[in-house]
Amino acid sequence: MTPGAAGQKICCLFLWLVSGSGLLVQTAPWPNIQPLHESHKFIEPGRGKDTPLLALIKKASGGPVYKVECHNGNYDDESEINFSGDFQCALFGVSGGKGTTGNLLAVNNKDEQSTDWWNRGRMLSHQLRGECLAYPEYSTLRHFKIRGMLVTLRFTDMEWSTTKDQQGPLLEKFTFTLDVVPDGTAQTSTAQPAAGPKPPRSCYP
């Protein structure tokens, strides 16, 4: 066998091991998940009552692997974090019915890891109007790429009261939509930083 033929044979064997048998292929660290869609209308959020939502994200093979939990600042029952604002969602890993992680919607930086409320999972009503609409990732449409998933939080159908506080009109109604789909480009263990420009402090956090 000539040296060239031997090298070609070795190359072909390597390719077979990588692409054919899969023995040398490094599998993704995150489980494949089933798509999830949830939508709920909330009326008079924060007027002394909670805005609860709980959704389970299941593995493609079945069984929950994450949960999305949403409340507002009126929620004072036991949970992994202290919820605040007019509406806040958090993403947790789960196993055997118990939480296994902190809030995965918080980016891995000093600010967002320092407190439960400084992340884009929390919504304040003034973020859904005026100048804040120019920064959708911090306003009405928020994407989170994480652990093989694209998690989307969407706020629509806002209605405003004639009653105002120091931030402006009170939020009377809104519809919240949650979508979770597989995304092979999302390979960080906590949420990737948002794309696009950051808003002024009047809009975030």
N, C-alpha and C. Protein backbone atom coordinates (compact mmCIF):
# COMPACT_ATOMS: atom_id res chain seq x y z
N MET A 1 0.86 -1.19 0.00
CA MET A 1 0.00 0.00 0.00
C MET A 1 0.90 1.24 0.00
N THR A 2 0.60 2.16 -0.87
CA THR A 2 1.40 3.38 -0.96
C THR A 2 1.10 4.28 0.23
N PRO A 3 2.05 5.18 0.57
CA PRO A 3 1.80 6.11 1.68
C PRO A 3 0.54 6.94 1.48
N GLY A 4 0.30 7.35 0.19
CA GLY A 4 -0.89 8.15 -0.08
C GLY A 4 -2.16 7.38 0.18
N ALA A 5 -2.16 6.10 -0.22
CA ALA A 5 -3.35 5.28 -0.02
C ALA A 5 -3.59 5.02 1.46
N ALA A 6 -2.48 4.80 2.19
CA ALA A 6 -2.61 4.56 3.63
C ALA A 6 -3.20 5.79 4.34
N GLY A 7 -2.72 6.97 3.95
CA GLY A 7 -3.24 8.19 4.56
C GLY A 7 -4.71 8.40 4.25
N GLN A 8 -5.09 8.06 3.01
CA GLN A 8 -6.48 8.21 2.62
C GLN A 8 -7.37 7.26 3.41
N LYS A 9 -6.86 6.04 3.65
CA LYS A 9 -7.63 5.06 4.41
C LYS A 9 -7.83 5.51 5.86
N ILE A 10 -6.76 6.05 6.45
CA ILE A 10 -6.85 6.55 7.82
C ILE A 10 -7.85 7.71 7.90
N CYS A 11 -7.81 8.60 6.90
CA CYS A 11 -8.72 9.74 6.87
C CYS A 11 -10.16 9.28 6.79
N CYS A 12 -10.41 8.29 5.93
CA CYS A 12 -11.77 7.77 5.76
C CYS A 12 -12.25 7.10 7.05
N LEU A 13 -11.34 6.39 7.74
CA LEU A 13 -11.71 5.74 8.99
C LEU A 13 -12.09 6.78 10.05
N PHE A 14 -11.33 7.86 10.11
CA PHE A 14 -11.63 8.93 11.06
C PHE A 14 -12.99 9.56 10.79
N LEU A 15 -13.27 9.82 9.51
CA LEU A 15 -14.56 10.41 9.16
C LEU A 15 -15.70 9.48 9.50
N TRP A 16 -15.48 8.17 9.33
CA TRP A 16 -16.53 7.21 9.67
C TRP A 16 -16.81 7.21 11.17
N LEU A 17 -15.72 7.30 11.96
CA LEU A 17 -15.89 7.33 13.40
C LEU A 17 -16.66 8.56 13.85
N VAL A 18 -16.37 9.70 13.20
CA VAL A 18 -17.00 10.96 13.61
C VAL A 18 -18.43 11.06 13.12
N SER A 19 -18.64 10.82 11.83
CA SER A 19 -19.96 11.06 11.26
C SER A 19 -20.81 9.82 11.14
N GLY A 20 -20.19 8.65 11.08
CA GLY A 20 -20.97 7.44 10.87
C GLY A 20 -21.40 6.81 12.18
N SER A 21 -20.45 6.39 12.97
CA SER A 21 -20.80 5.72 14.22
C SER A 21 -21.20 6.69 15.31
N GLY A 22 -20.70 7.94 15.23
CA GLY A 22 -21.01 8.93 16.26
C GLY A 22 -20.20 8.76 17.53
N LEU A 23 -19.22 7.83 17.53
CA LEU A 23 -18.49 7.56 18.76
C LEU A 23 -17.68 8.75 19.23
N LEU A 24 -17.20 9.55 18.29
CA LEU A 24 -16.36 10.68 18.67
C LEU A 24 -17.10 12.01 18.63
N VAL A 25 -18.39 11.97 18.34
CA VAL A 25 -19.16 13.20 18.27
C VAL A 25 -19.50 13.66 19.68
N GLN A 26 -19.20 14.90 19.99
CA GLN A 26 -19.51 15.46 21.30
C GLN A 26 -20.96 15.92 21.30
N THR A 27 -21.78 15.28 22.09
CA THR A 27 -23.20 15.63 22.11
C THR A 27 -23.41 16.93 22.85
N ALA A 28 -24.51 17.62 22.51
CA ALA A 28 -24.84 18.87 23.17
C ALA A 28 -25.11 18.61 24.64
N PRO A 29 -24.67 19.53 25.52
CA PRO A 29 -24.84 19.31 26.96
C PRO A 29 -26.27 19.48 27.44
N TRP A 30 -27.14 20.05 26.60
CA TRP A 30 -28.50 20.34 27.03
C TRP A 30 -29.48 19.38 26.34
N PRO A 31 -30.52 18.96 27.04
CA PRO A 31 -31.49 18.04 26.43
C PRO A 31 -32.32 18.72 25.36
N ASN A 32 -32.70 17.97 24.33
CA ASN A 32 -33.65 18.49 23.35
C ASN A 32 -35.00 18.66 24.03
N ILE A 33 -35.69 19.76 23.69
CA ILE A 33 -36.96 20.05 24.36
C ILE A 33 -38.11 20.10 23.36
N GLN A 34 -39.31 19.94 23.90
CA GLN A 34 -40.52 20.08 23.10
C GLN A 34 -40.90 21.55 23.02
N PRO A 35 -41.39 22.03 21.89
CA PRO A 35 -41.86 23.42 21.81
C PRO A 35 -42.99 23.66 22.81
N LEU A 36 -43.08 24.88 23.29
CA LEU A 36 -44.10 25.26 24.27
C LEU A 36 -44.71 26.59 23.88
N HIS A 37 -46.03 26.68 24.00
CA HIS A 37 -46.74 27.94 23.74
C HIS A 37 -47.79 28.14 24.83
N GLU A 38 -47.73 29.28 25.50
CA GLU A 38 -48.71 29.63 26.53
C GLU A 38 -49.10 31.08 26.33
N SER A 39 -50.39 31.38 26.54
CA SER A 39 -50.85 32.76 26.45
C SER A 39 -51.91 32.99 27.52
N HIS A 40 -51.82 34.15 28.20
CA HIS A 40 -52.75 34.43 29.28
C HIS A 40 -52.98 35.93 29.37
N LYS A 41 -54.23 36.31 29.62
CA LYS A 41 -54.58 37.72 29.77
C LYS A 41 -54.69 38.05 31.26
N PHE A 42 -54.02 39.12 31.66
CA PHE A 42 -54.05 39.56 33.05
C PHE A 42 -54.77 40.90 33.14
N ILE A 43 -55.63 41.04 34.16
CA ILE A 43 -56.43 42.25 34.37
C ILE A 43 -56.02 42.88 35.69
N GLU A 44 -55.79 44.18 35.65
CA GLU A 44 -55.37 44.95 36.82
C GLU A 44 -54.18 44.29 37.54
N PRO A 45 -53.10 44.10 36.83
CA PRO A 45 -51.92 43.47 37.45
C PRO A 45 -51.37 44.32 38.59
N GLY A 46 -51.02 43.67 39.66
CA GLY A 46 -50.39 44.37 40.77
C GLY A 46 -51.33 45.10 41.69
N ARG A 47 -52.65 45.07 41.44
CA ARG A 47 -53.59 45.75 42.34
C ARG A 47 -53.90 44.88 43.55
N GLY A 48 -52.86 44.58 44.30
CA GLY A 48 -53.04 43.80 45.51
C GLY A 48 -53.20 42.31 45.28
N LYS A 49 -53.00 41.85 44.05
CA LYS A 49 -53.13 40.42 43.78
C LYS A 49 -52.00 39.97 42.86
N ASP A 50 -51.81 38.68 42.84
CA ASP A 50 -50.71 38.10 42.07
C ASP A 50 -51.12 37.91 40.60
N THR A 51 -50.12 37.69 39.76
CA THR A 51 -50.33 37.37 38.34
C THR A 51 -49.60 36.05 38.06
N PRO A 52 -50.16 34.93 38.53
CA PRO A 52 -49.40 33.67 38.46
C PRO A 52 -49.46 32.98 37.10
N LEU A 53 -48.36 32.37 36.74
CA LEU A 53 -48.30 31.50 35.57
C LEU A 53 -47.19 30.48 35.81
N LEU A 54 -47.50 29.23 35.54
CA LEU A 54 -46.51 28.17 35.67
C LEU A 54 -46.59 27.29 34.44
N ALA A 55 -45.47 27.11 33.76
CA ALA A 55 -45.41 26.28 32.56
C ALA A 55 -44.19 25.38 32.64
N LEU A 56 -44.37 24.13 32.27
CA LEU A 56 -43.28 23.16 32.30
C LEU A 56 -42.74 22.94 30.88
N ILE A 57 -41.44 22.98 30.75
CA ILE A 57 -40.76 22.68 29.49
C ILE A 57 -40.29 21.24 29.57
N LYS A 58 -40.73 20.43 28.62
CA LYS A 58 -40.45 18.99 28.67
C LYS A 58 -39.37 18.60 27.67
N LYS A 59 -38.65 17.57 28.02
CA LYS A 59 -37.69 16.98 27.09
C LYS A 59 -38.43 16.38 25.91
N ALA A 60 -37.72 16.27 24.78
CA ALA A 60 -38.33 15.65 23.61
C ALA A 60 -38.77 14.23 23.91
N SER A 61 -38.07 13.58 24.81
CA SER A 61 -38.41 12.20 25.19
C SER A 61 -39.47 12.14 26.27
N GLY A 62 -39.93 13.31 26.76
CA GLY A 62 -40.95 13.36 27.79
C GLY A 62 -40.38 13.65 29.15
N GLY A 63 -41.21 14.28 30.01
CA GLY A 63 -40.76 14.60 31.36
C GLY A 63 -40.23 16.01 31.45
N PRO A 64 -40.62 16.78 32.49
CA PRO A 64 -40.18 18.17 32.62
C PRO A 64 -38.70 18.29 32.93
N VAL A 65 -38.07 19.26 32.32
CA VAL A 65 -36.65 19.53 32.57
C VAL A 65 -36.43 20.98 33.00
N TYR A 66 -37.39 21.86 32.68
CA TYR A 66 -37.35 23.25 33.12
C TYR A 66 -38.77 23.68 33.49
N LYS A 67 -38.86 24.75 34.28
CA LYS A 67 -40.15 25.37 34.52
C LYS A 67 -40.01 26.87 34.37
N VAL A 68 -41.06 27.50 33.82
CA VAL A 68 -41.17 28.95 33.77
C VAL A 68 -42.21 29.34 34.81
N GLU A 69 -41.82 30.16 35.75
CA GLU A 69 -42.72 30.60 36.82
C GLU A 69 -42.80 32.11 36.79
N CYS A 70 -44.03 32.64 36.83
CA CYS A 70 -44.24 34.09 36.74
C CYS A 70 -45.15 34.56 37.88
N HIS A 71 -44.83 35.71 38.42
CA HIS A 71 -45.63 36.34 39.48
C HIS A 71 -45.41 37.85 39.38
N ASN A 72 -45.90 38.58 40.39
CA ASN A 72 -45.53 39.99 40.53
C ASN A 72 -45.12 40.25 41.97
N GLY A 73 -44.95 41.51 42.30
CA GLY A 73 -44.44 41.85 43.62
C GLY A 73 -45.36 41.50 44.77
N ASN A 74 -46.62 41.16 44.49
CA ASN A 74 -47.55 40.77 45.55
C ASN A 74 -47.39 39.32 45.98
N TYR A 75 -46.61 38.55 45.22
CA TYR A 75 -46.44 37.14 45.55
C TYR A 75 -45.44 37.01 46.69
N ASP A 76 -45.88 36.36 47.77
CA ASP A 76 -44.98 36.23 48.92
C ASP A 76 -44.88 34.80 49.42
N ASP A 77 -45.29 33.83 48.61
CA ASP A 77 -45.13 32.44 48.99
C ASP A 77 -43.70 31.99 48.72
N GLU A 78 -43.40 30.79 49.09
CA GLU A 78 -42.04 30.27 48.95
C GLU A 78 -41.70 29.99 47.49
N SER A 79 -40.56 30.46 47.06
CA SER A 79 -40.08 30.20 45.70
C SER A 79 -38.57 30.35 45.70
N GLU A 80 -37.97 30.02 44.55
CA GLU A 80 -36.51 30.11 44.46
C GLU A 80 -36.01 31.55 44.48
N ILE A 81 -36.85 32.50 44.09
CA ILE A 81 -36.44 33.91 44.08
C ILE A 81 -37.55 34.76 44.68
N ASN A 82 -37.23 36.03 44.93
CA ASN A 82 -38.23 37.01 45.34
C ASN A 82 -38.73 37.74 44.10
N PHE A 83 -39.97 37.49 43.72
CA PHE A 83 -40.53 38.13 42.53
C PHE A 83 -40.91 39.57 42.84
N SER A 84 -40.80 40.44 41.82
CA SER A 84 -41.11 41.85 42.03
C SER A 84 -41.60 42.45 40.72
N GLY A 85 -41.91 43.75 40.76
CA GLY A 85 -42.38 44.44 39.56
C GLY A 85 -43.84 44.15 39.27
N ASP A 86 -44.29 44.60 38.09
CA ASP A 86 -45.67 44.36 37.67
C ASP A 86 -45.86 42.94 37.14
N PHE A 87 -44.79 42.34 36.69
CA PHE A 87 -44.84 40.95 36.21
C PHE A 87 -43.40 40.49 36.06
N GLN A 88 -43.11 39.30 36.55
CA GLN A 88 -41.76 38.77 36.42
C GLN A 88 -41.81 37.28 36.19
N CYS A 89 -41.02 36.84 35.20
CA CYS A 89 -40.89 35.42 34.92
C CYS A 89 -39.46 34.98 35.20
N ALA A 90 -39.33 33.75 35.66
CA ALA A 90 -38.02 33.15 35.89
C ALA A 90 -38.03 31.75 35.29
N LEU A 91 -36.86 31.31 34.88
CA LEU A 91 -36.68 29.98 34.30
C LEU A 91 -35.77 29.17 35.20
N PHE A 92 -36.23 28.00 35.62
CA PHE A 92 -35.47 27.14 36.51
C PHE A 92 -35.31 25.75 35.92
N GLY A 93 -34.16 25.13 36.12
CA GLY A 93 -34.02 23.72 35.84
C GLY A 93 -34.74 22.93 36.91
N VAL A 94 -35.36 21.81 36.54
CA VAL A 94 -36.06 20.98 37.51
C VAL A 94 -35.70 19.52 37.31
N SER A 95 -35.77 18.78 38.39
CA SER A 95 -35.56 17.33 38.35
C SER A 95 -36.28 16.72 39.54
N GLY A 96 -37.12 15.74 39.26
CA GLY A 96 -37.87 15.12 40.34
C GLY A 96 -38.79 16.07 41.05
N GLY A 97 -39.29 17.08 40.34
CA GLY A 97 -40.20 18.05 40.93
C GLY A 97 -39.53 19.14 41.74
N LYS A 98 -38.21 19.15 41.80
CA LYS A 98 -37.49 20.15 42.58
C LYS A 98 -36.60 20.99 41.67
N GLY A 99 -36.42 22.27 42.06
CA GLY A 99 -35.55 23.15 41.31
C GLY A 99 -34.09 22.75 41.46
N THR A 100 -33.36 22.86 40.36
CA THR A 100 -31.94 22.47 40.38
C THR A 100 -31.01 23.64 40.04
N THR A 101 -31.58 24.79 39.70
CA THR A 101 -30.76 25.94 39.32
C THR A 101 -31.36 27.21 39.90
N GLY A 102 -30.59 28.29 39.80
CA GLY A 102 -31.14 29.60 40.03
C GLY A 102 -31.91 30.05 38.80
N ASN A 103 -32.24 31.33 38.74
CA ASN A 103 -32.98 31.88 37.62
C ASN A 103 -32.09 31.97 36.38
N LEU A 104 -32.39 31.16 35.38
CA LEU A 104 -31.54 31.08 34.18
C LEU A 104 -31.76 32.24 33.22
N LEU A 105 -32.78 33.07 33.45
CA LEU A 105 -32.99 34.23 32.58
C LEU A 105 -32.03 35.37 32.91
N ALA A 106 -31.34 35.25 34.03
CA ALA A 106 -30.37 36.27 34.40
C ALA A 106 -29.05 35.99 33.69
N VAL A 107 -28.53 37.00 33.01
CA VAL A 107 -27.24 36.89 32.33
C VAL A 107 -26.13 36.71 33.37
N ASN A 108 -25.10 36.00 33.00
CA ASN A 108 -23.99 35.74 33.92
C ASN A 108 -23.05 36.95 33.99
N ASN A 109 -23.53 38.01 34.60
CA ASN A 109 -22.67 39.17 34.86
C ASN A 109 -22.94 39.66 36.28
N LYS A 110 -22.13 40.59 36.74
CA LYS A 110 -22.20 41.02 38.14
C LYS A 110 -23.56 41.61 38.49
N ASP A 111 -24.09 42.46 37.61
CA ASP A 111 -25.35 43.12 37.92
C ASP A 111 -26.50 42.13 38.04
N GLU A 112 -26.67 41.29 37.02
CA GLU A 112 -27.85 40.42 36.97
C GLU A 112 -27.75 39.26 37.95
N GLN A 113 -26.54 38.89 38.33
CA GLN A 113 -26.38 37.82 39.32
C GLN A 113 -26.44 38.34 40.75
N SER A 114 -26.45 39.66 40.92
CA SER A 114 -26.39 40.23 42.26
C SER A 114 -27.76 40.35 42.92
N THR A 115 -28.83 40.27 42.14
CA THR A 115 -30.16 40.48 42.69
C THR A 115 -31.20 39.76 41.85
N ASP A 116 -32.34 39.45 42.46
CA ASP A 116 -33.39 38.72 41.75
C ASP A 116 -34.10 39.57 40.71
N TRP A 117 -34.09 40.87 40.86
CA TRP A 117 -34.93 41.71 40.00
C TRP A 117 -34.20 42.31 38.80
N TRP A 118 -32.88 42.29 38.78
CA TRP A 118 -32.17 42.96 37.69
C TRP A 118 -31.93 41.99 36.54
N ASN A 119 -32.98 41.69 35.80
CA ASN A 119 -32.87 40.91 34.57
C ASN A 119 -34.11 41.16 33.73
N ARG A 120 -34.05 40.80 32.48
CA ARG A 120 -35.13 41.12 31.53
C ARG A 120 -36.37 40.24 31.70
N GLY A 121 -36.31 39.30 32.64
CA GLY A 121 -37.51 38.53 32.96
C GLY A 121 -38.53 39.34 33.73
N ARG A 122 -38.09 40.46 34.32
CA ARG A 122 -39.00 41.32 35.09
C ARG A 122 -39.53 42.45 34.21
N MET A 123 -40.85 42.66 34.29
CA MET A 123 -41.49 43.74 33.53
C MET A 123 -42.05 44.78 34.48
N LEU A 124 -41.75 46.04 34.17
CA LEU A 124 -42.38 47.18 34.82
C LEU A 124 -43.28 47.85 33.79
N SER A 125 -44.45 48.29 34.19
CA SER A 125 -45.44 48.75 33.22
C SER A 125 -44.93 49.88 32.33
N HIS A 126 -44.10 50.77 32.86
CA HIS A 126 -43.64 51.89 32.03
C HIS A 126 -42.69 51.42 30.92
N GLN A 127 -42.20 50.19 31.01
CA GLN A 127 -41.35 49.65 29.94
C GLN A 127 -42.15 49.31 28.69
N LEU A 128 -43.47 49.31 28.80
CA LEU A 128 -44.33 48.89 27.69
C LEU A 128 -44.94 50.07 26.94
N ARG A 129 -44.41 51.27 27.14
CA ARG A 129 -44.97 52.43 26.45
C ARG A 129 -43.87 53.48 26.23
N GLY A 130 -44.20 54.50 25.45
CA GLY A 130 -43.32 55.65 25.26
C GLY A 130 -41.98 55.31 24.66
N GLU A 131 -40.93 55.95 25.16
CA GLU A 131 -39.60 55.78 24.60
C GLU A 131 -39.06 54.36 24.75
N CYS A 132 -39.58 53.61 25.71
CA CYS A 132 -39.09 52.25 25.94
C CYS A 132 -39.45 51.30 24.80
N LEU A 133 -40.46 51.64 24.01
CA LEU A 133 -40.85 50.80 22.88
C LEU A 133 -39.75 50.72 21.82
N ALA A 134 -38.82 51.67 21.86
CA ALA A 134 -37.72 51.66 20.89
C ALA A 134 -36.67 50.61 21.23
N TYR A 135 -36.82 49.95 22.37
CA TYR A 135 -35.87 48.93 22.82
C TYR A 135 -36.64 47.64 23.12
N PRO A 136 -37.12 46.95 22.06
CA PRO A 136 -38.05 45.83 22.25
C PRO A 136 -37.51 44.71 23.13
N GLU A 137 -36.20 44.47 23.13
CA GLU A 137 -35.67 43.39 23.96
C GLU A 137 -35.79 43.68 25.46
N TYR A 138 -36.10 44.92 25.78
CA TYR A 138 -36.30 45.32 27.17
C TYR A 138 -37.73 45.82 27.38
N SER A 139 -38.59 45.61 26.38
CA SER A 139 -39.92 46.18 26.40
C SER A 139 -40.97 45.11 26.12
N THR A 140 -41.55 45.13 24.93
CA THR A 140 -42.71 44.27 24.64
C THR A 140 -42.35 42.91 24.07
N LEU A 141 -41.12 42.73 23.61
CA LEU A 141 -40.71 41.47 22.98
C LEU A 141 -39.30 41.12 23.43
N ARG A 142 -39.16 40.06 24.23
CA ARG A 142 -37.88 39.75 24.86
C ARG A 142 -37.48 38.32 24.53
N HIS A 143 -36.30 38.18 23.93
CA HIS A 143 -35.78 36.87 23.55
C HIS A 143 -34.63 36.48 24.48
N PHE A 144 -34.61 35.20 24.85
CA PHE A 144 -33.55 34.67 25.69
C PHE A 144 -33.02 33.39 25.04
N LYS A 145 -31.76 33.42 24.63
CA LYS A 145 -31.12 32.23 24.07
C LYS A 145 -30.34 31.54 25.18
N ILE A 146 -30.67 30.26 25.41
CA ILE A 146 -30.11 29.58 26.56
C ILE A 146 -30.30 28.07 26.45
N ARG A 147 -29.27 27.30 26.72
CA ARG A 147 -29.35 25.84 26.86
C ARG A 147 -30.10 25.14 25.73
N GLY A 148 -29.80 25.51 24.50
CA GLY A 148 -30.44 24.87 23.37
C GLY A 148 -31.87 25.31 23.13
N MET A 149 -32.25 26.46 23.70
CA MET A 149 -33.61 26.95 23.57
C MET A 149 -33.63 28.43 23.20
N LEU A 150 -34.71 28.83 22.56
CA LEU A 150 -35.03 30.24 22.40
C LEU A 150 -36.34 30.47 23.17
N VAL A 151 -36.24 31.26 24.24
CA VAL A 151 -37.40 31.57 25.07
C VAL A 151 -37.84 32.99 24.73
N THR A 152 -39.12 33.15 24.40
CA THR A 152 -39.64 34.46 24.00
C THR A 152 -40.76 34.88 24.94
N LEU A 153 -40.62 36.07 25.52
CA LEU A 153 -41.66 36.68 26.34
C LEU A 153 -42.25 37.84 25.54
N ARG A 154 -43.57 37.84 25.39
CA ARG A 154 -44.22 38.87 24.56
C ARG A 154 -45.37 39.49 25.34
N PHE A 155 -45.44 40.83 25.31
CA PHE A 155 -46.52 41.57 25.96
C PHE A 155 -47.32 42.32 24.90
N THR A 156 -48.61 42.05 24.84
CA THR A 156 -49.47 42.67 23.83
C THR A 156 -50.79 43.10 24.48
N ASP A 157 -51.62 43.80 23.69
CA ASP A 157 -52.99 44.17 24.08
C ASP A 157 -53.01 44.97 25.39
N MET A 158 -52.04 45.85 25.54
CA MET A 158 -52.02 46.67 26.75
C MET A 158 -53.16 47.69 26.74
N GLU A 159 -53.80 47.84 27.90
CA GLU A 159 -54.80 48.88 28.11
C GLU A 159 -54.40 49.66 29.35
N TRP A 160 -54.56 50.97 29.28
CA TRP A 160 -54.06 51.83 30.35
C TRP A 160 -55.20 52.54 31.06
N SER A 161 -55.07 52.70 32.37
CA SER A 161 -56.06 53.36 33.18
C SER A 161 -55.89 54.88 33.10
N THR A 162 -56.95 55.59 33.41
CA THR A 162 -56.85 57.04 33.51
C THR A 162 -56.15 57.45 34.81
N THR A 163 -56.08 56.51 35.74
CA THR A 163 -55.36 56.75 37.00
C THR A 163 -53.86 56.68 36.75
N LYS A 164 -53.10 57.57 37.36
CA LYS A 164 -51.66 57.61 37.14
C LYS A 164 -50.91 57.50 38.47
N ASP A 165 -49.68 57.04 38.36
CA ASP A 165 -48.75 57.13 39.49
C ASP A 165 -47.55 57.94 39.04
N GLN A 166 -46.46 57.92 39.77
CA GLN A 166 -45.30 58.74 39.42
C GLN A 166 -44.65 58.34 38.10
N GLN A 167 -44.94 57.11 37.62
CA GLN A 167 -44.39 56.65 36.35
C GLN A 167 -45.33 56.90 35.18
N GLY A 168 -46.57 57.29 35.46
CA GLY A 168 -47.54 57.53 34.39
C GLY A 168 -48.80 56.70 34.58
N PRO A 169 -49.57 56.46 33.50
CA PRO A 169 -50.82 55.70 33.60
C PRO A 169 -50.58 54.28 34.12
N LEU A 170 -51.54 53.79 34.89
CA LEU A 170 -51.44 52.42 35.41
C LEU A 170 -51.84 51.42 34.34
N LEU A 171 -51.17 50.30 34.34
CA LEU A 171 -51.47 49.24 33.38
C LEU A 171 -52.74 48.53 33.83
N GLU A 172 -53.76 48.59 32.98
CA GLU A 172 -55.06 48.02 33.31
C GLU A 172 -55.17 46.55 32.89
N LYS A 173 -54.69 46.24 31.68
CA LYS A 173 -54.75 44.87 31.16
C LYS A 173 -53.55 44.63 30.24
N PHE A 174 -53.16 43.37 30.11
CA PHE A 174 -52.18 42.99 29.10
C PHE A 174 -52.29 41.50 28.86
N THR A 175 -51.83 41.10 27.68
CA THR A 175 -51.75 39.67 27.36
C THR A 175 -50.28 39.27 27.35
N PHE A 176 -49.99 38.20 28.04
CA PHE A 176 -48.62 37.67 28.08
C PHE A 176 -48.57 36.37 27.29
N THR A 177 -47.58 36.27 26.40
CA THR A 177 -47.39 35.06 25.60
C THR A 177 -45.98 34.54 25.80
N LEU A 178 -45.90 33.26 26.07
CA LEU A 178 -44.62 32.58 26.26
C LEU A 178 -44.44 31.55 25.15
N ASP A 179 -43.31 31.62 24.47
CA ASP A 179 -42.96 30.62 23.46
C ASP A 179 -41.57 30.10 23.74
N VAL A 180 -41.42 28.79 23.66
CA VAL A 180 -40.11 28.16 23.83
C VAL A 180 -39.93 27.17 22.69
N VAL A 181 -38.84 27.32 21.94
CA VAL A 181 -38.54 26.41 20.83
C VAL A 181 -37.08 25.99 20.90
N PRO A 182 -36.75 24.83 20.33
CA PRO A 182 -35.34 24.42 20.30
C PRO A 182 -34.51 25.40 19.48
N ASP A 183 -33.28 25.63 19.88
CA ASP A 183 -32.35 26.51 19.16
C ASP A 183 -30.94 25.99 19.39
N GLY A 184 -30.39 25.35 18.37
CA GLY A 184 -29.07 24.75 18.48
C GLY A 184 -27.94 25.74 18.64
N THR A 185 -28.20 27.03 18.37
CA THR A 185 -27.15 28.04 18.51
C THR A 185 -27.06 28.58 19.94
N ALA A 186 -28.00 28.21 20.79
CA ALA A 186 -28.03 28.71 22.15
C ALA A 186 -27.32 27.71 23.07
N GLN A 187 -26.06 27.97 23.37
CA GLN A 187 -25.26 26.98 24.09
C GLN A 187 -24.64 27.51 25.37
N THR A 188 -25.24 28.56 25.95
CA THR A 188 -24.74 29.07 27.22
C THR A 188 -25.62 28.53 28.35
N SER A 189 -25.04 28.43 29.55
CA SER A 189 -25.77 27.85 30.67
C SER A 189 -26.76 28.82 31.30
N THR A 190 -26.55 30.12 31.13
CA THR A 190 -27.53 31.13 31.51
C THR A 190 -27.79 31.99 30.28
N ALA A 191 -28.77 32.87 30.36
CA ALA A 191 -29.20 33.63 29.20
C ALA A 191 -28.06 34.44 28.58
N GLN A 192 -28.01 34.43 27.25
CA GLN A 192 -27.06 35.28 26.55
C GLN A 192 -27.50 36.74 26.67
N PRO A 193 -26.55 37.68 26.64
CA PRO A 193 -26.93 39.10 26.66
C PRO A 193 -27.84 39.44 25.48
N ALA A 194 -28.72 40.39 25.69
CA ALA A 194 -29.67 40.78 24.65
C ALA A 194 -28.96 41.44 23.48
N ALA A 195 -29.47 41.20 22.29
CA ALA A 195 -28.96 41.88 21.10
C ALA A 195 -29.52 43.30 21.04
N GLY A 196 -28.80 44.16 20.35
CA GLY A 196 -29.29 45.52 20.16
C GLY A 196 -28.82 46.47 21.26
N PRO A 197 -29.12 47.76 21.08
CA PRO A 197 -28.65 48.77 22.05
C PRO A 197 -29.36 48.67 23.38
N LYS A 198 -28.65 49.05 24.43
CA LYS A 198 -29.26 49.08 25.76
C LYS A 198 -30.08 50.35 25.93
N PRO A 199 -31.20 50.25 26.62
CA PRO A 199 -32.06 51.42 26.82
C PRO A 199 -31.53 52.32 27.92
N PRO A 200 -32.06 53.51 28.04
CA PRO A 200 -31.68 54.39 29.16
C PRO A 200 -32.18 53.82 30.48
N ARG A 201 -31.65 54.32 31.58
CA ARG A 201 -32.04 53.81 32.90
C ARG A 201 -33.52 54.03 33.18
N SER A 202 -34.14 54.98 32.48
CA SER A 202 -35.58 55.20 32.66
C SER A 202 -36.41 54.03 32.16
N CYS A 203 -35.80 53.17 31.33
CA CYS A 203 -36.51 52.01 30.79
C CYS A 203 -36.03 50.69 31.37
N TYR A 204 -34.80 50.64 31.89
CA TYR A 204 -34.25 49.40 32.41
C TYR A 204 -33.09 49.70 33.35
N PRO A 205 -32.98 49.02 34.49
CA PRO A 205 -33.82 47.92 34.94
C PRO A 205 -35.06 48.40 35.66
